[in-house]
Amino acid sequence: MKSGMLKGICRTLLVAFVLSLVVSSASIAGEQDVKGKVDINQATAQELSKLPGIGKKKAEAIVAYRDEKGNFSSVEDLLKIEGIGKKTLEKIRGSLTVAGG
């Protein structure tokens, strides 16, 4: 009887652990694509502001530009946004994608 109860507890703990991994992965997927890159065509200002060199104001400028002009066709399009220069772009290029464009 005790071994059956122990197996049930272990099974429940395993299911709870797996579910917690699934939930964690789903929340991360909202801001990043499969390769862990931030899609500049879908990310929120809050998500963009987490990138190095991109604070709240630059992130809001990215979203405003996207809302006004449409999706970015390349990561280099960020250079059209005031306050984002070549150095900033090079710093974050590896973390970005334009999958939603």
Foldseek 3Di string as FASTA:
>chain_A
DVVVVVVVVVVVVVVVVVVVVVVVVVVQCQQAPPVQAGALQRHALVSVCPQPQRHSVLSVQSVVCCVVPNADPFLVCSCVGPPDHPVNSVRRVVRYDNVVD
